[in-house]
Amino acid sequence: MTQDLLADALSDDQRRVIPWLPARISFAAIGARIGMSGAAVEELATALYRQLSVHTRQEAVDRCAQLGLFSERQPDLQSAVENLDEPFFQMKALRNARGEIVDFEYLYCNRAALGVLNRGREDVIGHYLLELFPARLTDGLFDALVHVTETGEPLRQELVLSKGCVAGEFEVVASRHGDGFVLASRDIGARKRRERELTLVGEQLQQALTSRVLIEQAKGFMTGKFGIEPDTAFDLLRRHARNHNQRLQDVARSVVAGEMELDIPATSAARAARVRTKNVVRRS
């Protein structure tokens, strides 16, 4: 069949399906993207195979390409996914005789994903998640992916992976795809480090502010009780902290709480007494 004859014979729905045939996604996934059921897409594809006199999806893709049925501007989805900077995985569930998911098979990983795994494509595709990374069974990720596959509820989660060859902090997004899932992830280690640094700085600033308030309270307390100058009170607080290997703010807190009384040097006490006497005379 010539290109013109075939083009005339194609239905509108077939024209919507053809651009998606090169993508390594299921008929159900194609249907979800163009508003059809997976069964309807499969029926349209089967009819197209008969029109093209081919038997497989790949043969159909090759024949459509020969006939120029793919628009030059039609994006190559597989190529686009392959060139993503972020890791992308497609996995299929492995079930036991009772239908329970016991592992996931790697069907596809883009280059970024293989870089994260630090393995070649032949060392990953066709292998299983727990075969390569048994730690995923104990860190909660495997159970989360089982839940995605069984319920269809998408997953968005931040994970800290510390076992095996894949270690770091990642944000993971997964959605059910057929009897399995597709997953994209990104390294958030740098962002999380910045967040921790900002939190630490904030805590340090708050600690410094709290310490300063305590010290000022202790100075005021000592000034009022002993009649000494604020600078003298601070010197006494600092000297006691150094002599007893204590933090200045802890000494100040104890003084304010009445748990500690500092020794006031005789000269300071005498000077304070004179100041009090002068104040009394002035008031008289």
C-alpha atoms as a PDB file:
ATOM      1  CA  MET A   1       0.000   0.000   0.000  1.00  0.00           C
ATOM      2  CA  THR A   2       1.352   3.372  -0.999  1.00  0.00           C
ATOM      3  CA  GLN A   3       1.691   6.260   1.382  1.00  0.00           C
ATOM      4  CA  ASP A   4      -1.227   8.138  -0.148  1.00  0.00           C
ATOM      5  CA  LEU A   5      -3.557   5.124  -0.126  1.00  0.00           C
ATOM      6  CA  LEU A   6      -2.620   4.247   3.441  1.00  0.00           C
ATOM      7  CA  ALA A   7      -3.041   7.824   4.599  1.00  0.00           C
ATOM      8  CA  ASP A   8      -6.536   7.861   3.093  1.00  0.00           C
ATOM      9  CA  ALA A   9      -7.366   4.570   4.808  1.00  0.00           C
ATOM     10  CA  LEU A  10      -6.294   5.699   8.282  1.00  0.00           C
ATOM     11  CA  SER A  11      -8.954   6.732  10.741  1.00  0.00           C
ATOM     12  CA  ASP A  12      -8.610   9.849  12.860  1.00  0.00           C
ATOM     13  CA  ASP A  13      -8.108   7.715  15.952  1.00  0.00           C
ATOM     14  CA  GLN A  14      -5.329   5.759  14.252  1.00  0.00           C
ATOM     15  CA  ARG A  15      -3.621   9.023  13.386  1.00  0.00           C
ATOM     16  CA  ARG A  16      -3.702   9.923  17.089  1.00  0.00           C
ATOM     17  CA  VAL A  17      -2.143   6.583  18.055  1.00  0.00           C
ATOM     18  CA  ILE A  18       0.638   6.392  15.449  1.00  0.00           C
ATOM     19  CA  PRO A  19       2.894   9.162  16.913  1.00  0.00           C
ATOM     20  CA  TRP A  20       2.991   7.275  20.233  1.00  0.00           C
ATOM     21  CA  LEU A  21       4.031   3.894  18.841  1.00  0.00           C
ATOM     22  CA  PRO A  22       7.808   4.560  19.090  1.00  0.00           C
ATOM     23  CA  ALA A  23       7.514   5.372  22.790  1.00  0.00           C
ATOM     24  CA  ARG A  24       8.277   2.477  25.116  1.00  0.00           C
ATOM     25  CA  ILE A  25       4.993   2.752  26.951  1.00  0.00           C
ATOM     26  CA  SER A  26       1.998   0.429  27.075  1.00  0.00           C
ATOM     27  CA  PHE A  27      -1.225   0.779  25.131  1.00  0.00           C
ATOM     28  CA  ALA A  28      -2.930   1.681  28.416  1.00  0.00           C
ATOM     29  CA  ALA A  29      -0.417   4.482  28.950  1.00  0.00           C
ATOM     30  CA  ILE A  30      -0.947   5.739  25.389  1.00  0.00           C
ATOM     31  CA  GLY A  31      -4.700   5.676  25.972  1.00  0.00           C
ATOM     32  CA  ALA A  32      -4.334   7.693  29.166  1.00  0.00           C
ATOM     33  CA  ARG A  33      -2.508  10.385  27.206  1.00  0.00           C
ATOM     34  CA  ILE A  34      -4.987  10.624  24.297  1.00  0.00           C
ATOM     35  CA  GLY A  35      -8.238   9.966  26.138  1.00  0.00           C
ATOM     36  CA  MET A  36      -8.882   6.324  25.143  1.00  0.00           C
ATOM     37  CA  SER A  37      -8.970   3.014  26.919  1.00  0.00           C
ATOM     38  CA  GLY A  38      -5.973   0.723  26.602  1.00  0.00           C
ATOM     39  CA  ALA A  39      -8.150  -1.879  24.859  1.00  0.00           C
ATOM     40  CA  ALA A  40      -9.272   0.676  22.256  1.00  0.00           C
ATOM     41  CA  VAL A  41      -5.673   1.675  21.535  1.00  0.00           C
ATOM     42  CA  GLU A  42      -4.656  -1.979  21.172  1.00  0.00           C
ATOM     43  CA  GLU A  43      -7.535  -2.597  18.765  1.00  0.00           C
ATOM     44  CA  LEU A  44      -6.533   0.398  16.662  1.00  0.00           C
ATOM     45  CA  ALA A  45      -2.899  -0.719  16.646  1.00  0.00           C
ATOM     46  CA  THR A  46      -3.839  -4.277  15.630  1.00  0.00           C
ATOM     47  CA  ALA A  47      -5.884  -2.958  12.730  1.00  0.00           C
ATOM     48  CA  LEU A  48      -2.938  -0.780  11.706  1.00  0.00           C
ATOM     49  CA  TYR A  49      -0.609  -3.820  11.768  1.00  0.00           C
ATOM     50  CA  ARG A  50      -2.932  -5.568   9.293  1.00  0.00           C
ATOM     51  CA  GLN A  51      -3.006  -2.518   7.029  1.00  0.00           C
ATOM     52  CA  LEU A  52       0.793  -2.344   7.091  1.00  0.00           C
ATOM     53  CA  SER A  53       1.176  -6.137   6.678  1.00  0.00           C
ATOM     54  CA  VAL A  54       3.365  -6.365   9.795  1.00  0.00           C
ATOM     55  CA  HIS A  55       3.144  -8.439  12.947  1.00  0.00           C
ATOM     56  CA  THR A  56       4.886  -6.479  15.727  1.00  0.00           C
ATOM     57  CA  ARG A  57       4.865  -2.968  17.094  1.00  0.00           C
ATOM     58  CA  GLN A  58       8.491  -2.395  16.133  1.00  0.00           C
ATOM     59  CA  GLU A  59       7.790  -3.518  12.569  1.00  0.00           C
ATOM     60  CA  ALA A  60       4.867  -1.077  12.520  1.00  0.00           C
ATOM     61  CA  VAL A  61       7.135   1.730  13.720  1.00  0.00           C
ATOM     62  CA  ASP A  62       9.703   0.946  11.041  1.00  0.00           C
ATOM     63  CA  ARG A  63       7.048   0.755   8.317  1.00  0.00           C
ATOM     64  CA  CYS A  64       5.406   4.024   9.415  1.00  0.00           C
ATOM     65  CA  ALA A  65       8.805   5.697   9.320  1.00  0.00           C
ATOM     66  CA  GLN A  66       9.429   4.378   5.777  1.00  0.00           C
ATOM     67  CA  LEU A  67       6.061   5.720   4.670  1.00  0.00           C
ATOM     68  CA  GLY A  68       6.709   9.104   6.253  1.00  0.00           C
ATOM     69  CA  LEU A  69       3.757   8.845   8.645  1.00  0.00           C
ATOM     70  CA  PHE A  70       5.694  10.409  11.488  1.00  0.00           C
ATOM     71  CA  SER A  71       5.773  14.174  11.416  1.00  0.00           C
ATOM     72  CA  GLU A  72       9.283  15.589  11.362  1.00  0.00           C
ATOM     73  CA  ARG A  73       8.296  17.725  14.313  1.00  0.00           C
ATOM     74  CA  GLN A  74       6.841  14.798  16.266  1.00  0.00           C
ATOM     75  CA  PRO A  75       8.939  14.495  19.406  1.00  0.00           C
ATOM     76  CA  ASP A  76      10.773  11.281  19.949  1.00  0.00           C
ATOM     77  CA  LEU A  77       9.601  10.580  23.477  1.00  0.00           C
ATOM     78  CA  GLN A  78      12.128   7.863  24.188  1.00  0.00           C
ATOM     79  CA  SER A  79      14.960  10.117  23.045  1.00  0.00           C
ATOM     80  CA  ALA A  80      13.589  12.942  25.162  1.00  0.00           C
ATOM     81  CA  VAL A  81      13.416  10.753  28.258  1.00  0.00           C
ATOM     82  CA  GLU A  82      16.856   9.355  27.523  1.00  0.00           C
ATOM     83  CA  ASN A  83      18.300  12.863  27.495  1.00  0.00           C
ATOM     84  CA  LEU A  84      16.689  14.011  30.736  1.00  0.00           C
ATOM     85  CA  ASP A  85      19.154  15.241  33.332  1.00  0.00           C
ATOM     86  CA  GLU A  86      17.161  13.505  36.044  1.00  0.00           C
ATOM     87  CA  PRO A  87      17.015   9.714  36.526  1.00  0.00           C
ATOM     88  CA  PHE A  88      13.991   7.950  35.036  1.00  0.00           C
ATOM     89  CA  PHE A  89      13.037   4.296  35.561  1.00  0.00           C
ATOM     90  CA  GLN A  90      10.333   1.955  34.271  1.00  0.00           C
ATOM     91  CA  MET A  91       9.731  -1.141  36.390  1.00  0.00           C
ATOM     92  CA  LYS A  92       7.442  -4.172  36.127  1.00  0.00           C
ATOM     93  CA  ALA A  93       6.108  -6.122  39.089  1.00  0.00           C
ATOM     94  CA  LEU A  94       7.279  -9.690  39.712  1.00  0.00           C
ATOM     95  CA  ARG A  95       4.530 -11.641  41.473  1.00  0.00           C
ATOM     96  CA  ASN A  96       4.497 -14.998  43.246  1.00  0.00           C
ATOM     97  CA  ALA A  97       1.879 -17.739  42.815  1.00  0.00           C
ATOM     98  CA  ARG A  98      -0.468 -15.887  45.197  1.00  0.00           C
ATOM     99  CA  GLY A  99      -0.256 -12.723  43.119  1.00  0.00           C
ATOM    100  CA  GLU A 100       1.837 -10.845  45.684  1.00  0.00           C
ATOM    101  CA  ILE A 101       4.559  -8.497  44.483  1.00  0.00           C
ATOM    102  CA  VAL A 102       7.932  -9.870  45.523  1.00  0.00           C
ATOM    103  CA  ASP A 103      10.216  -7.736  43.366  1.00  0.00           C
ATOM    104  CA  PHE A 104      10.334  -5.320  40.428  1.00  0.00           C
ATOM    105  CA  GLU A 105      12.104  -5.883  37.104  1.00  0.00           C
ATOM    106  CA  TYR A 106      14.016  -3.036  35.446  1.00  0.00           C
ATOM    107  CA  LEU A 107      12.492  -2.487  32.003  1.00  0.00           C
ATOM    108  CA  TYR A 108      14.104   0.854  31.222  1.00  0.00           C
ATOM    109  CA  CYS A 109      16.599   3.313  32.732  1.00  0.00           C
ATOM    110  CA  ASN A 110      17.790   6.483  31.060  1.00  0.00           C
ATOM    111  CA  ARG A 111      21.443   7.534  31.087  1.00  0.00           C
ATOM    112  CA  ALA A 112      21.034   9.658  34.220  1.00  0.00           C
ATOM    113  CA  ALA A 113      19.508   6.700  36.055  1.00  0.00           C
ATOM    114  CA  LEU A 114      22.377   4.426  35.057  1.00  0.00           C
ATOM    115  CA  GLY A 115      24.778   7.097  36.302  1.00  0.00           C
ATOM    116  CA  VAL A 116      23.090   7.148  39.708  1.00  0.00           C
ATOM    117  CA  LEU A 117      23.158   3.347  39.866  1.00  0.00           C
ATOM    118  CA  ASN A 118      26.782   3.373  38.679  1.00  0.00           C
ATOM    119  CA  ARG A 119      26.090   0.402  36.402  1.00  0.00           C
ATOM    120  CA  GLY A 120      25.923  -0.344  32.703  1.00  0.00           C
ATOM    121  CA  ARG A 121      22.605  -0.856  30.943  1.00  0.00           C
ATOM    122  CA  GLU A 122      23.239  -4.577  30.514  1.00  0.00           C
ATOM    123  CA  ASP A 123      23.846  -4.868  34.256  1.00  0.00           C
ATOM    124  CA  VAL A 124      20.438  -3.383  35.071  1.00  0.00           C
ATOM    125  CA  ILE A 125      17.819  -4.073  32.385  1.00  0.00           C
ATOM    126  CA  GLY A 126      16.197  -7.457  32.990  1.00  0.00           C
ATOM    127  CA  HIS A 127      17.485  -7.589  36.551  1.00  0.00           C
ATOM    128  CA  TYR A 128      15.460  -7.011  39.701  1.00  0.00           C
ATOM    129  CA  LEU A 129      15.368  -4.237  42.279  1.00  0.00           C
ATOM    130  CA  LEU A 130      15.993  -6.404  45.336  1.00  0.00           C
ATOM    131  CA  GLU A 131      18.514  -8.515  43.444  1.00  0.00           C
ATOM    132  CA  LEU A 132      20.678  -5.452  42.870  1.00  0.00           C
ATOM    133  CA  PHE A 133      19.714  -3.386  45.921  1.00  0.00           C
ATOM    134  CA  PRO A 134      18.435  -5.584  48.780  1.00  0.00           C
ATOM    135  CA  ALA A 135      18.566  -2.605  51.171  1.00  0.00           C
ATOM    136  CA  ARG A 136      15.456  -1.199  49.459  1.00  0.00           C
ATOM    137  CA  LEU A 137      13.475  -3.886  51.272  1.00  0.00           C
ATOM    138  CA  THR A 138      14.371  -2.465  54.683  1.00  0.00           C
ATOM    139  CA  ASP A 139      14.463   1.287  54.037  1.00  0.00           C
ATOM    140  CA  GLY A 140      10.774   1.513  53.155  1.00  0.00           C
ATOM    141  CA  LEU A 141      11.110   2.280  49.441  1.00  0.00           C
ATOM    142  CA  PHE A 142      10.084  -1.193  48.240  1.00  0.00           C
ATOM    143  CA  ASP A 143       6.871  -1.168  50.303  1.00  0.00           C
ATOM    144  CA  ALA A 144       6.064   2.338  49.034  1.00  0.00           C
ATOM    145  CA  LEU A 145       6.473   1.206  45.411  1.00  0.00           C
ATOM    146  CA  VAL A 146       4.295  -1.850  46.027  1.00  0.00           C
ATOM    147  CA  HIS A 147       1.619   0.508  47.346  1.00  0.00           C
ATOM    148  CA  VAL A 148       1.867   2.653  44.195  1.00  0.00           C
ATOM    149  CA  THR A 149       1.499  -0.396  41.945  1.00  0.00           C
ATOM    150  CA  GLU A 150      -1.376  -1.967  43.873  1.00  0.00           C
ATOM    151  CA  THR A 151      -3.431   1.155  44.568  1.00  0.00           C
ATOM    152  CA  GLY A 152      -2.523   3.575  41.797  1.00  0.00           C
ATOM    153  CA  GLU A 153      -1.814   6.268  44.374  1.00  0.00           C
ATOM    154  CA  PRO A 154       1.198   8.325  43.208  1.00  0.00           C
ATOM    155  CA  LEU A 155       4.216   8.713  45.436  1.00  0.00           C
ATOM    156  CA  ARG A 156       6.177  11.881  46.127  1.00  0.00           C
ATOM    157  CA  GLN A 157       8.694  11.419  48.907  1.00  0.00           C
ATOM    158  CA  GLU A 158      12.074  12.590  50.113  1.00  0.00           C
ATOM    159  CA  LEU A 159      14.381   9.705  50.922  1.00  0.00           C
ATOM    160  CA  VAL A 160      17.742   9.327  52.584  1.00  0.00           C
ATOM    161  CA  LEU A 161      19.507   6.300  51.109  1.00  0.00           C
ATOM    162  CA  SER A 162      22.586   5.229  53.004  1.00  0.00           C
ATOM    163  CA  LYS A 163      23.072   1.580  52.101  1.00  0.00           C
ATOM    164  CA  GLY A 164      24.432   0.006  48.956  1.00  0.00           C
ATOM    165  CA  CYS A 165      26.050   1.807  46.042  1.00  0.00           C
ATOM    166  CA  VAL A 166      23.205   4.345  45.847  1.00  0.00           C
ATOM    167  CA  ALA A 167      23.549   6.770  48.730  1.00  0.00           C
ATOM    168  CA  GLY A 168      22.364  10.315  49.228  1.00  0.00           C
ATOM    169  CA  GLU A 169      19.234  12.383  49.611  1.00  0.00           C
ATOM    170  CA  PHE A 170      16.657  12.169  46.835  1.00  0.00           C
ATOM    171  CA  GLU A 171      13.160  13.317  45.994  1.00  0.00           C
ATOM    172  CA  VAL A 172      11.273  10.464  44.353  1.00  0.00           C
ATOM    173  CA  VAL A 173       8.102  10.722  42.243  1.00  0.00           C
ATOM    174  CA  ALA A 174       6.438   7.472  41.137  1.00  0.00           C
ATOM    175  CA  SER A 175       3.167   6.643  39.333  1.00  0.00           C
ATOM    176  CA  ARG A 176       1.574   3.338  38.429  1.00  0.00           C
ATOM    177  CA  HIS A 177       2.243   2.191  34.880  1.00  0.00           C
ATOM    178  CA  GLY A 178       0.656  -1.086  33.823  1.00  0.00           C
ATOM    179  CA  ASP A 179       1.571  -3.730  36.388  1.00  0.00           C
ATOM    180  CA  GLY A 180       4.460  -1.664  37.685  1.00  0.00           C
ATOM    181  CA  PHE A 181       5.455   1.958  37.837  1.00  0.00           C
ATOM    182  CA  VAL A 182       7.518   4.726  36.328  1.00  0.00           C
ATOM    183  CA  LEU A 183       9.751   6.703  38.649  1.00  0.00           C
ATOM    184  CA  ALA A 184      11.723   9.912  38.379  1.00  0.00           C
ATOM    185  CA  SER A 185      14.106  11.154  41.020  1.00  0.00           C
ATOM    186  CA  ARG A 186      16.432  14.044  41.657  1.00  0.00           C
ATOM    187  CA  ASP A 187      19.341  14.576  43.977  1.00  0.00           C
ATOM    188  CA  ILE A 188      18.350  17.058  46.697  1.00  0.00           C
ATOM    189  CA  GLY A 189      21.504  16.627  48.790  1.00  0.00           C
ATOM    190  CA  ALA A 190      22.796  20.155  48.109  1.00  0.00           C
ATOM    191  CA  ARG A 191      19.420  21.712  48.927  1.00  0.00           C
ATOM    192  CA  LYS A 192      19.064  19.734  52.142  1.00  0.00           C
ATOM    193  CA  ARG A 193      22.580  20.719  53.211  1.00  0.00           C
ATOM    194  CA  ARG A 194      21.726  24.387  52.678  1.00  0.00           C
ATOM    195  CA  GLU A 195      18.528  23.947  54.683  1.00  0.00           C
ATOM    196  CA  ARG A 196      20.464  22.361  57.555  1.00  0.00           C
ATOM    197  CA  GLU A 197      23.058  25.146  57.450  1.00  0.00           C
ATOM    198  CA  LEU A 198      20.330  27.808  57.580  1.00  0.00           C
ATOM    199  CA  THR A 199      18.647  25.996  60.455  1.00  0.00           C
ATOM    200  CA  LEU A 200      21.943  25.807  62.330  1.00  0.00           C
ATOM    201  CA  VAL A 201      22.611  29.514  61.793  1.00  0.00           C
ATOM    202  CA  GLY A 202      19.118  30.326  63.038  1.00  0.00           C
ATOM    203  CA  GLU A 203      19.606  28.178  66.117  1.00  0.00           C
ATOM    204  CA  GLN A 204      22.963  29.799  66.814  1.00  0.00           C
ATOM    205  CA  LEU A 205      21.467  33.282  66.493  1.00  0.00           C
ATOM    206  CA  GLN A 206      18.613  32.362  68.803  1.00  0.00           C
ATOM    207  CA  GLN A 207      21.042  30.863  71.285  1.00  0.00           C
ATOM    208  CA  ALA A 208      23.171  34.017  71.185  1.00  0.00           C
ATOM    209  CA  LEU A 209      20.094  36.184  71.743  1.00  0.00           C
ATOM    210  CA  THR A 210      18.905  34.029  74.642  1.00  0.00           C
ATOM    211  CA  SER A 211      22.378  34.082  76.170  1.00  0.00           C
ATOM    212  CA  ARG A 212      22.579  37.866  75.873  1.00  0.00           C
ATOM    213  CA  VAL A 213      19.186  38.308  77.534  1.00  0.00           C
ATOM    214  CA  LEU A 214      20.205  36.049  80.432  1.00  0.00           C
ATOM    215  CA  ILE A 215      23.472  37.912  80.937  1.00  0.00           C
ATOM    216  CA  GLU A 216      21.717  41.296  80.945  1.00  0.00           C
ATOM    217  CA  GLN A 217      19.182  39.959  83.449  1.00  0.00           C
ATOM    218  CA  ALA A 218      21.970  38.696  85.711  1.00  0.00           C
ATOM    219  CA  LYS A 219      23.809  42.021  85.506  1.00  0.00           C
ATOM    220  CA  GLY A 220      20.645  43.864  86.457  1.00  0.00           C
ATOM    221  CA  PHE A 221      19.974  41.473  89.301  1.00  0.00           C
ATOM    222  CA  MET A 222      23.487  41.879  90.741  1.00  0.00           C
ATOM    223  CA  THR A 223      23.438  45.642  90.264  1.00  0.00           C
ATOM    224  CA  GLY A 224      20.195  45.902  92.183  1.00  0.00           C
ATOM    225  CA  LYS A 225      21.161  43.486  94.927  1.00  0.00           C
ATOM    226  CA  PHE A 226      24.739  44.514  95.566  1.00  0.00           C
ATOM    227  CA  GLY A 227      24.765  48.075  94.253  1.00  0.00           C
ATOM    228  CA  ILE A 228      27.673  47.396  91.913  1.00  0.00           C
ATOM    229  CA  GLU A 229      28.183  48.775  88.440  1.00  0.00           C
ATOM    230  CA  PRO A 230      26.887  46.712  85.449  1.00  0.00           C
ATOM    231  CA  ASP A 231      30.428  46.354  84.069  1.00  0.00           C
ATOM    232  CA  THR A 232      31.609  45.059  87.442  1.00  0.00           C
ATOM    233  CA  ALA A 233      28.728  42.570  87.531  1.00  0.00           C
ATOM    234  CA  PHE A 234      29.674  41.317  84.049  1.00  0.00           C
ATOM    235  CA  ASP A 235      33.325  40.911  85.056  1.00  0.00           C
ATOM    236  CA  LEU A 236      32.245  38.859  88.098  1.00  0.00           C
ATOM    237  CA  LEU A 237      30.011  36.640  85.970  1.00  0.00           C
ATOM    238  CA  ARG A 238      32.748  36.089  83.402  1.00  0.00           C
ATOM    239  CA  ARG A 239      35.425  35.414  86.041  1.00  0.00           C
ATOM    240  CA  HIS A 240      33.250  32.819  87.778  1.00  0.00           C
ATOM    241  CA  ALA A 241      32.506  31.084  84.461  1.00  0.00           C
ATOM    242  CA  ARG A 242      36.194  30.863  83.574  1.00  0.00           C
ATOM    243  CA  ASN A 243      37.307  29.716  87.031  1.00  0.00           C
ATOM    244  CA  HIS A 244      34.681  26.974  87.180  1.00  0.00           C
ATOM    245  CA  ASN A 245      34.789  25.945  83.508  1.00  0.00           C
ATOM    246  CA  GLN A 246      31.162  26.884  82.952  1.00  0.00           C
ATOM    247  CA  ARG A 247      29.343  28.653  80.166  1.00  0.00           C
ATOM    248  CA  LEU A 248      28.672  32.312  80.871  1.00  0.00           C
ATOM    249  CA  GLN A 249      24.971  31.932  80.078  1.00  0.00           C
ATOM    250  CA  ASP A 250      24.653  29.009  82.523  1.00  0.00           C
ATOM    251  CA  VAL A 251      26.195  31.093  85.304  1.00  0.00           C
ATOM    252  CA  ALA A 252      23.877  33.991  84.453  1.00  0.00           C
ATOM    253  CA  ARG A 253      20.842  31.674  84.473  1.00  0.00           C
ATOM    254  CA  SER A 254      21.776  30.299  87.909  1.00  0.00           C
ATOM    255  CA  VAL A 255      22.277  33.784  89.335  1.00  0.00           C
ATOM    256  CA  VAL A 256      18.900  34.992  88.072  1.00  0.00           C
ATOM    257  CA  ALA A 257      17.186  31.823  89.395  1.00  0.00           C
ATOM    258  CA  GLY A 258      18.751  32.364  92.827  1.00  0.00           C
ATOM    259  CA  GLU A 259      20.643  29.081  92.598  1.00  0.00           C
ATOM    260  CA  MET A 260      24.053  30.750  92.872  1.00  0.00           C
ATOM    261  CA  GLU A 261      25.543  33.733  94.704  1.00  0.00           C
ATOM    262  CA  LEU A 262      28.816  35.111  93.481  1.00  0.00           C
ATOM    263  CA  ASP A 263      31.517  36.290  95.849  1.00  0.00           C
ATOM    264  CA  ILE A 264      31.667  40.071  95.703  1.00  0.00           C
ATOM    265  CA  PRO A 265      35.280  41.336  96.243  1.00  0.00           C
ATOM    266  CA  ALA A 266      35.700  43.572  99.284  1.00  0.00           C
ATOM    267  CA  THR A 267      36.721  46.552  97.175  1.00  0.00           C
ATOM    268  CA  SER A 268      33.617  46.217  95.038  1.00  0.00           C
ATOM    269  CA  ALA A 269      31.429  45.747  98.104  1.00  0.00           C
ATOM    270  CA  ALA A 270      32.958  48.769  99.846  1.00  0.00           C
ATOM    271  CA  ARG A 271      32.573  50.882  96.727  1.00  0.00           C
ATOM    272  CA  ALA A 272      28.966  49.787  96.430  1.00  0.00           C
ATOM    273  CA  ALA A 273      28.368  50.640 100.113  1.00  0.00           C
ATOM    274  CA  ARG A 274      29.739  54.149  99.618  1.00  0.00           C
ATOM    275  CA  VAL A 275      27.499  54.636  96.594  1.00  0.00           C
ATOM    276  CA  ARG A 276      24.482  53.518  98.625  1.00  0.00           C
ATOM    277  CA  THR A 277      25.389  55.897 101.460  1.00  0.00           C
ATOM    278  CA  LYS A 278      25.698  58.827  99.074  1.00  0.00           C
ATOM    279  CA  ASN A 279      22.343  57.984  97.573  1.00  0.00           C
ATOM    280  CA  VAL A 280      20.725  57.870 100.999  1.00  0.00           C
ATOM    281  CA  VAL A 281      22.259  61.276 101.915  1.00  0.00           C
ATOM    282  CA  ARG A 282      21.018  62.802  98.685  1.00  0.00           C
ATOM    283  CA  ARG A 283      17.489  61.540  99.300  1.00  0.00           C
ATOM    284  CA  SER A 284      17.617  62.972 102.856  1.00  0.00           C
END
